[in-house]
């Protein structure tokens, strides 16, 4: 008599990496991989232009526990399945609040918010837009040269860096209590 397959345990959150981001047609994708598959997950994330974050503690247990496991041998986007938008937003808020995904080794992530254009420095989170009808997107400041900023998209690390004049970005003001 054949045995029933037992689903993979999703309870040991501290031994996982999470791959997440937007795929084709702007659909959210997210999945967890065990640490022994971390290299394969990182390679797939780079190819698919997705984010990778190692989960190092149990603070994200509830959210990561709701994600499907990734399929290392699945072709293309099937490796990281599509997830519901509300779950994806919880993943981003929990695991990537300061844009750590896609950060190059040694790149700073600043957690304070600039209060003026003069205060903007590498690591700050700002908003940019592509055109007047396109809306605003989060970006991390990579470098500053006078009034020109080199930015990278917070949620799309595969897009590379780009430049904007400081007057073409917007500041994010944290809520005051």
Protein backbone atom coordinates (compact mmCIF):
# COMPACT_ATOMS: atom_id res chain seq x y z
CA UNK A 1 0.00 0.00 0.00
CA UNK A 2 1.55 3.34 -1.00
CA UNK A 3 2.24 5.82 1.76
CA UNK A 4 0.65 9.23 1.73
CA UNK A 5 3.08 12.04 1.20
CA UNK A 6 3.48 14.28 4.20
CA UNK A 7 3.62 18.02 3.48
CA UNK A 8 6.88 19.72 4.33
CA UNK A 9 6.99 21.25 7.77
CA UNK A 10 6.74 24.99 7.72
CA UNK A 11 7.24 25.51 11.45
CA UNK A 12 11.02 26.04 11.71
CA UNK A 13 11.06 29.59 10.38
CA UNK A 14 14.60 30.27 11.59
CA UNK A 15 15.97 27.79 9.03
CA UNK A 16 14.58 29.40 5.90
CA UNK A 17 15.16 31.94 3.18
CA UNK A 18 12.20 33.74 1.65
CA UNK A 19 12.09 34.68 -2.02
CA UNK A 20 9.51 37.32 -2.97
CA UNK A 21 8.73 40.00 -5.52
CA UNK A 22 6.58 40.82 -8.52
CA UNK A 23 6.69 38.54 -11.55
CA UNK A 24 5.06 38.66 -14.96
CA UNK A 25 1.93 40.80 -15.20
CA UNK A 26 2.81 42.37 -11.81
CA UNK A 27 1.59 39.34 -9.89
CA UNK A 28 3.11 38.87 -6.41
CA UNK A 29 5.26 35.77 -5.91
CA UNK A 30 6.61 34.46 -2.59
CA UNK A 31 7.90 31.18 -1.18
CA UNK A 32 10.21 29.85 1.50
CA UNK A 33 13.19 27.58 0.96
CA UNK A 34 15.17 25.63 3.59
CA UNK A 35 18.67 26.97 4.22
CA UNK A 36 20.29 23.98 2.49
CA UNK A 37 18.63 25.23 -0.74
CA UNK A 38 19.61 28.88 -0.15
CA UNK A 39 22.14 29.01 -3.01
CA UNK A 40 19.62 27.62 -5.50
CA UNK A 41 16.97 30.04 -4.19
CA UNK A 42 19.34 33.02 -4.55
CA UNK A 43 20.28 32.00 -8.09
CA UNK A 44 16.61 31.66 -9.05
CA UNK A 45 15.73 34.98 -7.41
CA UNK A 46 18.47 36.74 -9.35
CA UNK A 47 17.31 35.24 -12.63
CA UNK A 48 13.65 36.06 -11.92
CA UNK A 49 14.48 39.56 -10.52
CA UNK A 50 13.04 38.69 -7.10
CA UNK A 51 14.19 39.52 -3.56
CA UNK A 52 15.81 37.10 -1.12
CA UNK A 53 15.92 37.48 2.65
CA UNK A 54 17.28 34.97 5.14
CA UNK A 55 14.92 34.57 8.08
CA UNK A 56 17.16 34.52 11.12
CA UNK A 57 14.65 34.59 13.96
CA UNK A 58 11.10 33.59 14.77
CA UNK A 59 9.56 37.08 14.61
CA UNK A 60 8.09 36.34 11.19
CA UNK A 61 6.68 32.93 12.13
CA UNK A 62 3.03 33.75 11.43
CA UNK A 63 3.60 35.32 8.02
CA UNK A 64 6.28 32.94 6.70
CA UNK A 65 4.23 30.01 7.96
CA UNK A 66 1.47 30.95 5.50
CA UNK A 67 3.80 30.90 2.48
CA UNK A 68 4.03 27.89 0.18
CA UNK A 69 7.38 26.10 -0.06
CA UNK A 70 9.47 26.92 -3.10
CA UNK A 71 10.12 24.26 -5.73
CA UNK A 72 13.84 24.20 -6.56
CA UNK A 73 13.39 22.00 -9.64
CA UNK A 74 10.32 23.74 -11.05
CA UNK A 75 10.83 25.63 -14.32
CA UNK A 76 11.06 29.43 -14.31
CA UNK A 77 8.43 31.27 -12.29
CA UNK A 78 6.95 27.97 -11.06
CA UNK A 79 9.82 27.86 -8.57
CA UNK A 80 8.23 30.70 -6.59
CA UNK A 81 4.42 30.49 -6.72
CA UNK A 82 1.98 33.37 -7.01
CA UNK A 83 0.49 34.41 -3.64
CA UNK A 84 -2.44 36.57 -2.57
CA UNK A 85 -1.76 40.30 -2.54
CA UNK A 86 -2.61 40.70 1.15
CA UNK A 87 -0.14 37.95 2.11
CA UNK A 88 2.54 39.49 -0.12
CA UNK A 89 2.05 42.89 1.52
CA UNK A 90 2.44 41.30 4.96
CA UNK A 91 5.68 39.64 3.82
CA UNK A 92 7.11 42.94 2.56
CA UNK A 93 6.06 44.79 5.72
CA UNK A 94 7.47 42.09 8.00
CA UNK A 95 10.64 41.02 6.22
CA UNK A 96 11.64 44.04 4.14
CA UNK A 97 10.52 47.20 5.97
CA UNK A 98 13.70 49.15 5.17
CA UNK A 99 14.47 47.70 1.75
CA UNK A 100 17.12 45.21 2.90
CA UNK A 101 16.33 42.81 0.04
CA UNK A 102 18.63 43.34 -2.89
CA UNK A 103 21.22 45.23 -0.84
CA UNK A 104 24.77 44.62 -2.00
CA UNK A 105 27.29 43.54 0.67
CA UNK A 106 28.56 46.60 2.50
CA UNK A 107 25.72 48.86 1.30
CA UNK A 108 24.21 50.82 4.17
CA UNK A 109 20.56 50.70 5.10
CA UNK A 110 19.58 53.80 7.07
CA UNK A 111 16.45 53.52 9.19
CA UNK A 112 15.86 57.22 9.91
CA UNK A 113 13.89 59.39 7.51
CA UNK A 114 15.29 62.57 5.97
CA UNK A 115 13.34 65.69 6.87
CA UNK A 116 14.70 67.86 4.04
CA UNK A 117 16.40 67.42 0.68
CA UNK A 118 19.68 68.59 2.24
CA UNK A 119 19.51 65.73 4.78
CA UNK A 120 19.25 62.94 2.18
CA UNK A 121 22.16 60.50 2.32
CA UNK A 122 22.92 56.96 1.08
CA UNK A 123 20.58 54.39 2.56
CA UNK A 124 17.58 56.70 2.90
CA UNK A 125 14.19 55.71 1.53
CA UNK A 126 12.65 58.23 -0.90
CA UNK A 127 9.94 58.29 -3.57
CA UNK A 128 10.44 58.74 -7.33
CA UNK A 129 8.28 58.59 -10.43
CA UNK A 130 8.91 57.77 -14.08
CA UNK A 131 6.46 60.30 -15.49
CA UNK A 132 3.56 62.51 -14.49
CA UNK A 133 0.95 59.79 -15.00
CA UNK A 134 2.95 56.95 -13.47
CA UNK A 135 2.60 57.26 -9.70
CA UNK A 136 5.33 57.17 -7.07
CA UNK A 137 7.66 54.28 -6.18
CA UNK A 138 9.96 53.61 -3.22
CA UNK A 139 13.70 53.80 -3.83
CA UNK A 140 16.83 53.53 -1.73
CA UNK A 141 19.50 56.21 -2.15
CA UNK A 142 22.73 54.48 -3.22
CA UNK A 143 24.88 57.61 -3.51
CA UNK A 144 24.65 61.37 -3.69
CA UNK A 145 26.75 63.72 -5.79
CA UNK A 146 25.72 67.31 -5.19
CA UNK A 147 22.07 67.56 -6.25
CA UNK A 148 22.05 64.25 -8.16
CA UNK A 149 21.02 60.97 -6.55
CA UNK A 150 21.78 57.43 -7.63
CA UNK A 151 18.81 55.27 -6.63
CA UNK A 152 17.70 51.64 -6.73
CA UNK A 153 14.14 50.41 -6.48
CA UNK A 154 13.38 49.06 -3.02
CA UNK A 155 11.11 46.25 -4.16
CA UNK A 156 12.71 45.54 -7.57
CA UNK A 157 16.45 44.98 -7.00
CA UNK A 158 16.87 43.41 -10.45
CA UNK A 159 16.19 46.75 -12.17
CA UNK A 160 19.61 48.18 -11.33
CA UNK A 161 20.49 51.72 -10.35
CA UNK A 162 19.39 54.97 -12.00
CA UNK A 163 19.86 58.69 -11.45
CA UNK A 164 17.46 61.47 -10.60
CA UNK A 165 17.95 65.12 -9.65
CA UNK A 166 17.16 65.73 -6.01
CA UNK A 167 14.24 68.00 -6.95
CA UNK A 168 12.55 65.10 -8.80
CA UNK A 169 12.13 62.94 -5.71
CA UNK A 170 9.75 63.16 -2.77
CA UNK A 171 10.44 62.66 0.91
CA UNK A 172 8.53 60.19 3.05
CA UNK A 173 7.48 61.75 6.31
CA UNK A 174 6.80 59.32 9.14
CA UNK A 175 3.49 59.71 10.95
CA UNK A 176 3.71 61.82 14.07
CA UNK A 177 1.90 60.84 17.21
